[in-house]
N, C-alpha and C. Protein backbone atom coordinates (compact mmCIF):
# COMPACT_ATOMS: atom_id res chain seq x y z
N MET A 1 -82.58 -67.83 -76.58
CA MET A 1 -82.07 -67.16 -75.72
C MET A 1 -80.65 -67.45 -75.56
N ALA A 2 -79.70 -66.71 -75.65
CA ALA A 2 -78.06 -67.26 -75.59
C ALA A 2 -77.95 -67.51 -74.29
N SER A 3 -77.06 -68.63 -73.96
CA SER A 3 -76.33 -68.68 -72.73
C SER A 3 -75.35 -67.83 -72.44
N ILE A 4 -75.24 -67.38 -71.06
CA ILE A 4 -74.45 -66.46 -70.83
C ILE A 4 -73.11 -67.33 -70.33
N PRO A 5 -71.97 -67.05 -71.01
CA PRO A 5 -70.63 -68.03 -70.55
C PRO A 5 -70.33 -67.77 -68.90
N LEU A 6 -70.15 -68.60 -68.18
CA LEU A 6 -69.72 -68.49 -66.78
C LEU A 6 -67.92 -68.07 -67.01
N SER A 7 -67.83 -67.16 -65.89
CA SER A 7 -66.33 -67.25 -66.14
C SER A 7 -65.65 -68.44 -64.98
N PRO A 8 -64.31 -68.83 -65.23
CA PRO A 8 -63.75 -69.70 -64.26
C PRO A 8 -64.14 -69.84 -62.69
N ARG A 9 -64.14 -68.67 -62.34
CA ARG A 9 -64.51 -68.29 -61.07
C ARG A 9 -66.10 -68.80 -60.44
N HIS A 10 -66.64 -68.90 -61.74
CA HIS A 10 -68.31 -69.60 -61.36
C HIS A 10 -68.54 -70.82 -62.13
N ALA A 11 -67.40 -71.35 -62.65
CA ALA A 11 -67.75 -72.71 -62.99
C ALA A 11 -67.84 -73.56 -62.24
N VAL A 12 -68.58 -74.87 -62.53
CA VAL A 12 -69.06 -75.96 -61.61
C VAL A 12 -68.33 -77.12 -61.89
N HIS A 13 -67.58 -77.36 -60.96
CA HIS A 13 -66.49 -78.79 -61.25
C HIS A 13 -67.82 -80.03 -61.63
N PRO A 14 -67.63 -80.76 -62.59
CA PRO A 14 -68.30 -81.88 -63.04
C PRO A 14 -68.81 -82.90 -61.97
N ALA A 15 -67.81 -82.93 -61.10
CA ALA A 15 -68.36 -83.84 -59.54
C ALA A 15 -68.88 -83.39 -58.60
N GLY A 16 -69.18 -81.65 -58.77
CA GLY A 16 -69.64 -80.70 -57.75
C GLY A 16 -70.79 -81.37 -56.99
N PRO A 17 -71.95 -81.71 -58.13
CA PRO A 17 -73.16 -82.07 -57.27
C PRO A 17 -73.01 -83.29 -56.93
N ALA A 18 -72.40 -84.34 -57.36
CA ALA A 18 -72.29 -85.60 -56.47
C ALA A 18 -71.73 -85.59 -55.32
N LEU A 19 -70.42 -84.83 -55.36
CA LEU A 19 -69.87 -84.50 -54.14
C LEU A 19 -70.73 -83.96 -53.11
N LEU A 20 -71.40 -82.89 -53.42
CA LEU A 20 -72.29 -82.22 -52.51
C LEU A 20 -73.01 -83.10 -52.05
N ARG A 21 -73.96 -83.79 -52.81
CA ARG A 21 -74.97 -84.86 -52.03
C ARG A 21 -74.58 -85.70 -51.15
N ALA A 22 -73.07 -86.32 -51.67
CA ALA A 22 -72.42 -87.21 -50.44
C ALA A 22 -72.02 -86.42 -49.48
N LEU A 23 -71.90 -85.58 -49.37
CA LEU A 23 -71.42 -84.59 -48.42
C LEU A 23 -72.65 -84.33 -47.27
N VAL A 24 -73.89 -83.92 -47.96
CA VAL A 24 -75.14 -83.83 -47.23
C VAL A 24 -75.51 -85.32 -46.63
N VAL A 25 -75.59 -86.42 -47.50
CA VAL A 25 -75.75 -87.52 -46.66
C VAL A 25 -74.89 -87.69 -45.54
N TRP A 26 -73.72 -87.62 -45.88
CA TRP A 26 -72.56 -88.01 -44.55
C TRP A 26 -73.14 -87.11 -43.34
N LEU A 27 -73.20 -85.97 -43.24
CA LEU A 27 -73.45 -85.03 -42.45
C LEU A 27 -74.93 -85.31 -41.83
N ALA A 28 -75.76 -85.72 -42.61
CA ALA A 28 -77.18 -86.08 -42.00
C ALA A 28 -76.99 -87.37 -41.15
N TRP A 29 -76.46 -88.37 -41.78
CA TRP A 29 -75.97 -89.67 -41.06
C TRP A 29 -75.12 -89.26 -39.63
N TRP A 30 -74.14 -88.54 -39.85
CA TRP A 30 -73.18 -88.12 -38.52
C TRP A 30 -74.04 -87.24 -37.53
N PHE A 31 -75.09 -86.79 -37.97
CA PHE A 31 -75.89 -85.98 -36.85
C PHE A 31 -77.10 -86.83 -36.39
N VAL A 32 -77.68 -87.62 -37.19
CA VAL A 32 -79.09 -88.45 -36.98
C VAL A 32 -78.78 -89.84 -36.59
N ALA A 33 -77.67 -90.33 -36.98
CA ALA A 33 -77.33 -91.86 -36.65
C ALA A 33 -76.93 -91.91 -35.32
N PRO A 34 -77.42 -93.00 -34.44
CA PRO A 34 -77.47 -92.93 -33.18
C PRO A 34 -75.62 -93.48 -32.83
N ALA A 35 -75.25 -92.79 -31.73
CA ALA A 35 -73.86 -93.01 -31.30
C ALA A 35 -73.74 -94.42 -30.85
N PRO A 36 -72.54 -95.28 -31.11
CA PRO A 36 -72.27 -96.53 -30.62
C PRO A 36 -72.23 -96.15 -29.06
N ALA A 37 -72.81 -97.21 -28.38
CA ALA A 37 -73.11 -97.09 -26.84
C ALA A 37 -71.59 -96.92 -26.18
N ALA A 38 -71.26 -96.19 -25.43
CA ALA A 38 -69.96 -96.25 -24.48
C ALA A 38 -69.78 -97.08 -23.88
N ALA A 39 -68.68 -97.96 -23.90
CA ALA A 39 -68.36 -98.82 -23.00
C ALA A 39 -68.16 -98.41 -21.33
N GLY A 40 -68.16 -99.18 -20.44
CA GLY A 40 -67.74 -98.74 -19.31
C GLY A 40 -68.75 -98.65 -18.35
N ILE A 41 -68.16 -98.24 -17.07
CA ILE A 41 -69.38 -98.22 -15.91
C ILE A 41 -70.04 -96.73 -16.38
N PRO A 42 -71.54 -97.19 -16.30
CA PRO A 42 -72.27 -95.95 -16.54
C PRO A 42 -72.03 -94.82 -15.69
N ALA A 43 -72.28 -93.59 -16.11
CA ALA A 43 -72.14 -92.25 -15.67
C ALA A 43 -72.87 -92.04 -14.36
N ASP A 44 -73.95 -92.82 -13.99
CA ASP A 44 -74.53 -92.57 -12.55
C ASP A 44 -73.80 -92.91 -11.68
N TYR A 45 -72.65 -93.68 -11.82
CA TYR A 45 -71.55 -93.96 -10.63
C TYR A 45 -70.54 -93.26 -10.69
N ALA A 46 -70.45 -92.14 -11.38
CA ALA A 46 -69.33 -91.25 -11.25
C ALA A 46 -67.96 -91.89 -11.48
N PRO A 47 -67.95 -92.74 -12.48
CA PRO A 47 -66.53 -93.35 -12.53
C PRO A 47 -65.30 -92.24 -13.12
N LEU A 48 -64.14 -92.73 -12.42
CA LEU A 48 -62.91 -92.18 -12.74
C LEU A 48 -62.50 -92.88 -13.88
N VAL A 49 -62.51 -92.67 -15.32
CA VAL A 49 -61.99 -93.36 -16.51
C VAL A 49 -60.53 -93.37 -16.44
N VAL A 50 -59.85 -94.29 -16.60
CA VAL A 50 -58.34 -94.31 -16.64
C VAL A 50 -58.13 -95.08 -17.95
N LEU A 51 -57.55 -94.30 -18.84
CA LEU A 51 -57.35 -94.97 -20.32
C LEU A 51 -55.78 -95.21 -20.15
N PRO A 52 -55.46 -96.25 -20.79
CA PRO A 52 -54.01 -96.81 -21.05
C PRO A 52 -53.11 -95.94 -21.50
N THR A 53 -51.77 -95.98 -21.03
CA THR A 53 -50.58 -95.15 -22.07
C THR A 53 -49.64 -96.25 -22.52
N GLY A 54 -48.77 -95.68 -23.17
CA GLY A 54 -47.72 -96.64 -23.48
C GLY A 54 -48.02 -97.53 -24.61
N MET A 55 -49.07 -97.35 -25.48
CA MET A 55 -49.45 -98.40 -26.32
C MET A 55 -48.55 -97.99 -27.56
N PRO A 56 -48.44 -99.03 -28.44
CA PRO A 56 -49.29 -100.45 -28.38
C PRO A 56 -48.41 -101.53 -27.72
N GLN A 57 -47.15 -100.93 -27.48
CA GLN A 57 -46.21 -102.32 -26.80
C GLN A 57 -46.57 -102.54 -25.42
N ARG A 58 -47.26 -101.55 -24.65
CA ARG A 58 -47.81 -102.15 -23.38
C ARG A 58 -49.02 -101.23 -23.23
N TYR A 59 -49.69 -101.68 -22.30
CA TYR A 59 -51.04 -100.75 -21.98
C TYR A 59 -51.17 -100.70 -20.37
N GLU A 60 -50.65 -99.46 -20.04
CA GLU A 60 -50.25 -99.16 -18.39
C GLU A 60 -51.54 -98.13 -18.24
N PHE A 61 -52.25 -98.67 -17.10
CA PHE A 61 -53.18 -97.81 -16.47
C PHE A 61 -52.63 -97.47 -14.93
N ASP A 62 -52.51 -96.16 -14.78
CA ASP A 62 -51.97 -95.68 -13.68
C ASP A 62 -52.99 -95.24 -12.69
N LEU A 63 -52.82 -96.02 -11.64
CA LEU A 63 -53.98 -95.81 -10.53
C LEU A 63 -53.22 -94.71 -9.36
N SER A 64 -52.30 -94.02 -9.55
CA SER A 64 -51.98 -93.20 -8.78
C SER A 64 -52.70 -91.94 -8.21
N ALA A 65 -53.46 -91.38 -9.34
CA ALA A 65 -54.37 -90.23 -9.13
C ALA A 65 -55.68 -90.79 -8.56
N ALA A 66 -56.07 -91.81 -8.96
CA ALA A 66 -57.17 -92.63 -8.17
C ALA A 66 -56.82 -92.78 -6.65
N LEU A 67 -55.92 -93.08 -6.35
CA LEU A 67 -55.43 -93.72 -4.86
C LEU A 67 -55.41 -92.19 -4.18
N ALA A 68 -54.71 -91.19 -4.76
CA ALA A 68 -54.68 -89.88 -4.01
C ALA A 68 -55.89 -89.49 -3.95
N ARG A 69 -56.74 -89.48 -4.83
CA ARG A 69 -57.98 -89.12 -4.31
C ARG A 69 -59.03 -89.48 -3.74
N ALA A 70 -58.87 -90.90 -3.65
CA ALA A 70 -59.33 -91.70 -2.45
C ALA A 70 -59.03 -91.48 -1.18
N ARG A 71 -57.83 -90.94 -1.03
CA ARG A 71 -57.30 -90.61 0.26
C ARG A 71 -58.00 -89.51 0.67
N THR A 72 -58.03 -88.43 -0.29
CA THR A 72 -58.52 -87.06 -0.01
C THR A 72 -60.27 -87.27 -0.01
N ASP A 73 -60.69 -87.94 -0.24
CA ASP A 73 -62.28 -88.09 -0.41
C ASP A 73 -62.63 -89.17 0.58
N ASN A 74 -61.64 -89.69 1.29
CA ASN A 74 -61.80 -91.04 2.58
C ASN A 74 -62.65 -91.85 1.70
N LYS A 75 -62.31 -92.55 0.63
CA LYS A 75 -62.96 -93.96 0.07
C LYS A 75 -62.04 -94.70 -0.28
N ARG A 76 -62.54 -95.96 -0.70
CA ARG A 76 -62.08 -97.14 -0.90
C ARG A 76 -62.17 -97.18 -2.44
N LEU A 77 -61.44 -97.85 -3.12
CA LEU A 77 -61.53 -97.89 -4.57
C LEU A 77 -62.23 -99.37 -5.25
N TYR A 78 -63.11 -98.97 -6.10
CA TYR A 78 -63.79 -100.32 -6.63
C TYR A 78 -63.26 -100.14 -8.09
N VAL A 79 -62.20 -100.67 -8.46
CA VAL A 79 -61.41 -100.77 -9.59
C VAL A 79 -61.89 -101.94 -10.55
N TYR A 80 -62.50 -101.32 -11.80
CA TYR A 80 -63.17 -101.95 -12.85
C TYR A 80 -62.40 -102.31 -14.06
N LEU A 81 -61.71 -103.38 -14.49
CA LEU A 81 -61.15 -103.58 -15.58
C LEU A 81 -62.04 -104.41 -16.50
N GLY A 82 -62.43 -103.72 -17.68
CA GLY A 82 -63.56 -103.91 -18.37
C GLY A 82 -62.84 -104.13 -19.98
N ALA A 83 -63.34 -104.51 -20.75
CA ALA A 83 -62.96 -104.72 -22.08
C ALA A 83 -64.04 -104.03 -22.96
N THR A 84 -63.73 -102.94 -24.06
CA THR A 84 -64.73 -102.69 -24.74
C THR A 84 -65.28 -103.58 -25.78
N ASP A 85 -64.83 -104.84 -26.09
CA ASP A 85 -65.27 -105.66 -26.93
C ASP A 85 -65.74 -106.71 -26.20
N CYS A 86 -65.90 -106.81 -24.81
CA CYS A 86 -66.17 -108.15 -23.89
C CYS A 86 -67.91 -108.10 -23.82
N PRO A 87 -68.44 -109.40 -24.18
CA PRO A 87 -69.84 -109.30 -24.18
C PRO A 87 -70.21 -109.56 -22.40
N PHE A 88 -69.13 -109.96 -21.51
CA PHE A 88 -69.67 -110.33 -20.26
C PHE A 88 -69.33 -108.78 -19.55
N CYS A 89 -68.62 -108.04 -19.90
CA CYS A 89 -68.57 -106.61 -19.42
C CYS A 89 -69.86 -105.89 -19.91
N ARG A 90 -70.10 -105.83 -21.03
CA ARG A 90 -71.40 -105.29 -21.28
C ARG A 90 -72.65 -105.61 -20.28
N LYS A 91 -72.63 -106.85 -20.10
CA LYS A 91 -73.93 -107.35 -19.63
C LYS A 91 -73.72 -107.09 -18.00
N TYR A 92 -72.33 -106.98 -17.41
CA TYR A 92 -72.13 -106.27 -16.06
C TYR A 92 -72.69 -104.79 -15.87
N GLU A 93 -72.14 -104.22 -17.13
CA GLU A 93 -72.47 -102.63 -17.35
C GLU A 93 -73.81 -102.48 -17.25
N THR A 94 -74.77 -103.47 -18.02
CA THR A 94 -76.17 -103.03 -18.27
C THR A 94 -76.94 -103.21 -17.10
N PHE A 95 -76.28 -104.26 -16.26
CA PHE A 95 -76.83 -104.60 -14.80
C PHE A 95 -76.70 -103.46 -14.12
N LEU A 96 -75.78 -102.92 -14.26
CA LEU A 96 -75.26 -101.62 -13.35
C LEU A 96 -76.17 -100.21 -13.59
N ALA A 97 -76.29 -100.18 -15.09
CA ALA A 97 -77.21 -99.31 -15.49
C ALA A 97 -78.68 -99.43 -15.27
N ARG A 98 -79.12 -100.72 -15.30
CA ARG A 98 -80.59 -101.04 -14.91
C ARG A 98 -80.78 -100.92 -13.56
N ASN A 99 -79.89 -100.96 -12.61
CA ASN A 99 -80.06 -100.73 -11.20
C ASN A 99 -79.30 -99.62 -10.56
N ALA A 100 -79.23 -98.77 -11.43
CA ALA A 100 -78.31 -97.38 -10.63
C ALA A 100 -79.33 -96.71 -9.85
N ALA A 101 -80.32 -96.59 -9.70
CA ALA A 101 -81.03 -96.00 -8.63
C ALA A 101 -80.74 -96.61 -7.24
N VAL A 102 -80.67 -97.61 -7.40
CA VAL A 102 -80.41 -98.43 -5.82
C VAL A 102 -79.00 -98.54 -5.70
N LEU A 103 -78.10 -98.89 -6.77
CA LEU A 103 -76.50 -99.27 -6.45
C LEU A 103 -75.94 -97.83 -6.49
N ALA A 104 -75.95 -97.12 -7.51
CA ALA A 104 -75.34 -96.02 -7.38
C ALA A 104 -74.88 -95.33 -6.08
N PRO A 105 -75.91 -95.09 -5.07
CA PRO A 105 -75.85 -94.32 -3.84
C PRO A 105 -75.04 -95.16 -2.89
N GLU A 106 -75.23 -96.44 -3.07
CA GLU A 106 -74.41 -97.54 -2.28
C GLU A 106 -73.07 -97.64 -2.86
N PHE A 107 -72.54 -97.53 -4.00
CA PHE A 107 -71.25 -97.28 -4.20
C PHE A 107 -70.57 -95.60 -3.67
N ALA A 108 -71.29 -94.75 -3.88
CA ALA A 108 -71.05 -93.64 -3.75
C ALA A 108 -70.76 -93.45 -1.97
N LYS A 109 -71.24 -94.35 -1.28
CA LYS A 109 -71.19 -94.11 0.04
C LYS A 109 -69.58 -94.30 0.43
N ASP A 110 -68.87 -95.49 0.02
CA ASP A 110 -67.63 -95.90 0.48
C ASP A 110 -66.79 -95.85 -0.82
N TYR A 111 -67.22 -95.68 -1.77
CA TYR A 111 -66.20 -96.30 -3.18
C TYR A 111 -65.97 -95.22 -4.16
N LEU A 112 -64.83 -95.09 -4.61
CA LEU A 112 -64.36 -93.96 -5.63
C LEU A 112 -64.32 -95.04 -6.80
N VAL A 113 -65.16 -95.12 -7.68
CA VAL A 113 -65.43 -96.30 -8.91
C VAL A 113 -64.16 -95.79 -9.97
N VAL A 114 -63.41 -96.43 -10.22
CA VAL A 114 -62.30 -96.39 -11.34
C VAL A 114 -62.78 -97.42 -12.49
N ASP A 115 -62.77 -97.25 -13.50
CA ASP A 115 -63.16 -97.56 -14.83
C ASP A 115 -61.71 -97.78 -15.72
N LEU A 116 -61.35 -98.99 -15.65
CA LEU A 116 -59.89 -99.10 -16.75
C LEU A 116 -60.47 -99.76 -17.99
N ARG A 117 -60.14 -99.08 -19.01
CA ARG A 117 -60.67 -99.45 -20.39
C ARG A 117 -59.61 -100.06 -21.17
N SER A 118 -59.85 -101.52 -21.43
CA SER A 118 -59.14 -102.24 -22.51
C SER A 118 -59.77 -102.85 -23.27
N THR A 119 -59.04 -103.78 -24.13
CA THR A 119 -59.84 -104.63 -25.07
C THR A 119 -59.26 -106.07 -24.73
N LEU A 120 -60.31 -107.07 -25.39
CA LEU A 120 -59.98 -108.51 -25.30
C LEU A 120 -58.65 -108.84 -26.07
N SER A 121 -58.11 -108.09 -26.87
CA SER A 121 -56.75 -108.28 -27.42
C SER A 121 -55.68 -107.90 -26.73
N ILE A 122 -55.62 -107.44 -25.72
CA ILE A 122 -54.51 -107.03 -24.91
C ILE A 122 -54.28 -108.24 -24.04
N THR A 123 -53.09 -108.78 -23.99
CA THR A 123 -52.70 -110.08 -23.03
C THR A 123 -52.23 -109.36 -21.63
N ALA A 124 -52.15 -110.30 -20.70
CA ALA A 124 -51.74 -109.90 -19.50
C ALA A 124 -50.22 -109.61 -19.79
N LYS A 125 -49.38 -110.09 -20.53
CA LYS A 125 -48.04 -109.73 -20.57
C LYS A 125 -48.09 -108.17 -20.84
N ARG A 126 -48.96 -107.66 -21.47
CA ARG A 126 -48.81 -106.21 -22.46
C ARG A 126 -49.65 -105.28 -21.37
N LEU A 127 -50.63 -105.72 -20.14
CA LEU A 127 -51.30 -104.83 -19.58
C LEU A 127 -50.54 -104.85 -18.08
N TYR A 128 -50.43 -103.38 -17.68
CA TYR A 128 -49.61 -103.02 -16.67
C TYR A 128 -50.58 -102.14 -15.92
N ILE A 129 -50.36 -102.13 -14.38
CA ILE A 129 -50.72 -101.38 -13.41
C ILE A 129 -49.66 -100.70 -12.39
N ARG A 130 -49.83 -99.39 -12.47
CA ARG A 130 -48.71 -98.32 -12.25
C ARG A 130 -49.56 -97.80 -10.86
N ILE A 131 -48.73 -97.95 -9.94
CA ILE A 131 -48.89 -97.12 -8.65
C ILE A 131 -47.76 -96.38 -7.99
N GLY A 132 -47.69 -95.29 -8.27
CA GLY A 132 -46.56 -94.42 -7.94
C GLY A 132 -45.40 -94.58 -8.82
N SER A 133 -44.36 -95.05 -8.53
CA SER A 133 -43.23 -95.24 -9.47
C SER A 133 -43.01 -96.81 -9.63
N SER A 134 -44.07 -97.61 -9.22
CA SER A 134 -44.03 -99.08 -9.52
C SER A 134 -44.91 -99.39 -10.46
N SER A 135 -44.54 -99.86 -11.57
CA SER A 135 -45.38 -100.46 -13.07
C SER A 135 -45.29 -101.86 -13.09
N LEU A 136 -46.20 -102.46 -12.62
CA LEU A 136 -46.33 -104.12 -12.85
C LEU A 136 -46.84 -104.82 -13.72
N ALA A 137 -46.61 -105.78 -14.54
CA ALA A 137 -47.52 -106.49 -15.41
C ALA A 137 -48.63 -107.08 -14.73
N TYR A 138 -49.59 -107.37 -15.35
CA TYR A 138 -51.12 -107.56 -14.71
C TYR A 138 -50.89 -108.65 -13.65
N THR A 139 -50.08 -109.98 -14.25
CA THR A 139 -50.05 -110.97 -13.12
C THR A 139 -49.26 -110.63 -11.79
N ASP A 140 -47.96 -110.06 -12.20
CA ASP A 140 -47.14 -109.60 -11.21
C ASP A 140 -47.82 -108.53 -10.07
N PHE A 141 -48.68 -107.72 -10.56
CA PHE A 141 -49.78 -106.59 -9.90
C PHE A 141 -50.49 -107.67 -8.99
N GLN A 142 -51.45 -108.81 -9.52
CA GLN A 142 -52.14 -109.54 -8.85
C GLN A 142 -51.28 -110.31 -7.89
N ARG A 143 -49.96 -110.69 -8.31
CA ARG A 143 -49.39 -111.25 -6.74
C ARG A 143 -48.75 -110.52 -6.04
N SER A 144 -48.46 -109.01 -6.28
CA SER A 144 -48.13 -108.14 -5.17
C SER A 144 -49.31 -107.87 -4.41
N ILE A 145 -50.42 -107.87 -4.69
CA ILE A 145 -51.53 -107.75 -3.90
C ILE A 145 -52.29 -108.74 -3.02
N GLY A 146 -51.34 -110.23 -3.50
CA GLY A 146 -51.90 -111.37 -2.89
C GLY A 146 -53.20 -111.87 -3.53
N ASP A 147 -53.55 -111.40 -4.53
CA ASP A 147 -54.83 -111.93 -5.39
C ASP A 147 -54.49 -113.31 -5.76
N ALA A 148 -55.22 -114.16 -5.30
CA ALA A 148 -55.60 -115.71 -5.68
C ALA A 148 -55.79 -116.06 -7.24
N ARG A 149 -56.39 -114.88 -7.81
CA ARG A 149 -56.59 -115.13 -9.09
C ARG A 149 -55.58 -115.02 -10.21
N VAL A 150 -54.45 -115.13 -9.81
CA VAL A 150 -53.17 -114.95 -10.70
C VAL A 150 -53.16 -115.91 -11.44
N ARG A 151 -53.65 -115.86 -12.84
CA ARG A 151 -53.33 -116.71 -13.95
C ARG A 151 -53.88 -115.81 -15.22
N ALA A 152 -54.02 -116.35 -16.35
CA ALA A 152 -54.62 -115.66 -17.20
C ALA A 152 -55.71 -114.51 -17.16
N LEU A 153 -55.38 -113.46 -17.95
CA LEU A 153 -56.61 -112.28 -17.82
C LEU A 153 -57.93 -112.33 -17.98
N VAL A 154 -58.77 -112.51 -17.33
CA VAL A 154 -60.08 -112.57 -17.49
C VAL A 154 -60.94 -111.41 -17.04
N TYR A 155 -61.74 -111.15 -18.12
CA TYR A 155 -62.87 -110.06 -17.98
C TYR A 155 -64.28 -110.18 -17.69
N PRO A 156 -64.98 -109.54 -16.89
CA PRO A 156 -64.43 -108.41 -16.32
C PRO A 156 -63.42 -108.58 -14.96
N CYS A 157 -62.79 -108.04 -14.75
CA CYS A 157 -61.97 -107.96 -13.59
C CYS A 157 -62.48 -106.74 -12.43
N VAL A 158 -62.55 -107.06 -11.21
CA VAL A 158 -62.79 -106.04 -10.13
C VAL A 158 -61.94 -106.24 -9.05
N TRP A 159 -61.44 -105.30 -8.86
CA TRP A 159 -60.59 -105.20 -7.10
C TRP A 159 -61.24 -104.24 -6.17
N LEU A 160 -61.40 -104.56 -5.14
CA LEU A 160 -61.71 -103.79 -4.04
C LEU A 160 -60.36 -103.44 -3.34
N LEU A 161 -60.00 -102.41 -3.44
CA LEU A 161 -58.74 -101.97 -2.41
C LEU A 161 -58.96 -100.56 -1.75
N ASP A 162 -57.92 -100.74 -0.50
CA ASP A 162 -58.33 -99.70 0.15
C ASP A 162 -57.17 -98.46 -0.30
N GLN A 163 -56.94 -97.38 0.76
CA GLN A 163 -56.21 -96.18 0.09
C GLN A 163 -54.67 -96.54 -0.10
N GLN A 164 -54.21 -97.66 0.35
CA GLN A 164 -52.95 -97.72 -0.08
C GLN A 164 -52.68 -99.05 -1.09
N ALA A 165 -53.93 -99.45 -1.72
CA ALA A 165 -53.87 -100.20 -2.78
C ALA A 165 -53.96 -101.80 -2.35
N ARG A 166 -54.31 -102.00 -1.04
CA ARG A 166 -54.43 -103.33 -0.32
C ARG A 166 -55.85 -103.76 -0.72
N PRO A 167 -55.94 -105.14 -1.04
CA PRO A 167 -57.11 -105.77 -1.45
C PRO A 167 -58.13 -105.98 -0.03
N LEU A 168 -59.34 -105.42 -0.37
CA LEU A 168 -60.25 -105.52 1.06
C LEU A 168 -60.95 -107.03 0.99
N MET A 169 -60.93 -107.57 -0.04
CA MET A 169 -61.48 -108.97 -0.14
C MET A 169 -61.06 -109.82 -1.22
N GLN A 170 -61.16 -111.06 -1.35
CA GLN A 170 -60.97 -111.81 -2.39
C GLN A 170 -62.20 -111.65 -3.37
N MET A 171 -61.84 -111.10 -4.55
CA MET A 171 -62.90 -111.21 -5.52
C MET A 171 -62.90 -112.36 -6.40
N PRO A 172 -64.45 -112.68 -7.03
CA PRO A 172 -64.54 -113.47 -7.99
C PRO A 172 -63.96 -113.02 -9.11
N ALA A 173 -63.61 -113.93 -10.15
CA ALA A 173 -63.11 -113.46 -11.46
C ALA A 173 -64.12 -113.84 -12.56
N GLY A 174 -64.35 -112.92 -13.64
CA GLY A 174 -65.12 -113.56 -14.72
C GLY A 174 -66.54 -112.89 -14.55
N ALA A 175 -67.47 -113.41 -15.54
CA ALA A 175 -68.96 -113.21 -15.52
C ALA A 175 -69.59 -114.12 -14.69
N GLY A 176 -70.88 -113.49 -14.69
CA GLY A 176 -71.64 -114.34 -13.54
C GLY A 176 -71.70 -114.16 -11.98
N THR A 177 -70.92 -113.11 -11.59
CA THR A 177 -70.64 -112.97 -10.25
C THR A 177 -71.35 -112.03 -9.70
N PHE A 178 -71.97 -110.95 -10.37
CA PHE A 178 -72.56 -109.71 -9.91
C PHE A 178 -73.79 -109.81 -10.56
N GLU A 179 -74.65 -110.61 -10.66
CA GLU A 179 -75.78 -110.56 -11.45
C GLU A 179 -77.07 -110.20 -10.75
N THR A 180 -76.96 -110.08 -9.49
CA THR A 180 -78.12 -109.45 -8.72
C THR A 180 -77.81 -108.49 -7.85
N VAL A 181 -78.86 -107.57 -7.42
CA VAL A 181 -78.51 -106.28 -6.51
C VAL A 181 -78.06 -106.99 -5.17
N PRO A 182 -78.72 -108.20 -4.50
CA PRO A 182 -78.27 -108.37 -3.35
C PRO A 182 -76.69 -108.93 -3.44
N GLU A 183 -76.32 -109.80 -4.52
CA GLU A 183 -74.95 -110.11 -4.59
C GLU A 183 -73.93 -108.95 -4.61
N GLN A 184 -74.37 -107.80 -5.42
CA GLN A 184 -73.35 -106.74 -5.46
C GLN A 184 -73.50 -105.94 -4.29
N LEU A 185 -74.73 -105.78 -3.35
CA LEU A 185 -74.43 -105.26 -2.35
C LEU A 185 -73.57 -105.94 -1.25
N GLU A 186 -73.56 -107.18 -1.36
CA GLU A 186 -72.63 -108.07 -0.13
C GLU A 186 -71.34 -107.56 -0.71
N ILE A 187 -70.89 -107.48 -1.83
CA ILE A 187 -69.61 -107.22 -2.21
C ILE A 187 -69.20 -105.94 -1.86
N LEU A 188 -70.07 -105.07 -1.95
CA LEU A 188 -69.86 -103.41 -1.40
C LEU A 188 -69.49 -103.51 -0.03
N ARG A 189 -70.38 -104.29 0.60
CA ARG A 189 -70.38 -104.19 2.10
C ARG A 189 -69.37 -105.18 2.81
N LEU A 190 -68.41 -105.76 1.96
CA LEU A 190 -67.53 -106.53 2.26
C LEU A 190 -67.53 -107.84 3.18
N LYS A 191 -68.98 -108.35 2.56
CA LYS A 191 -69.37 -109.42 3.12
C LYS A 191 -69.02 -110.84 2.72
């Protein structure tokens, strides 16, 4: 039997079958592979996620919209500064996820949860907090609100703020401070 020559329109590129197999494997991986865990406050807490702008020179987090919403909703702000590559942040976020049934309703009573997403490579000099027309570097922001933790940037960092961005209580810094439900409830209740 003689072979029928293919027209150029029907010719198969020599790399075609291999390329097609690679594409099928990639698509299967893309749709089947588990997605990496999203960093940050779990969705049960309805966080307002604030991503930085001005990168890479400065990472500026604008709290203006969160404060406006807090005033509208008559809520306080629970501002969480976490780093996507911070193991202590993951530990706290896992704690929140594990205890969401108890803690999420407690947060929702009085707080608008604000999730600022950073990375460990961002230094205090490059991290800025904006409120309205004022934008301050991390340590200057800490000083401006009277936070005694003015020093090197430590993750995770939490601020409890009123609707005018004034601190409601002095917060501990770093890991190991919110490891039990009673400890977290004391903080939420400003005890």
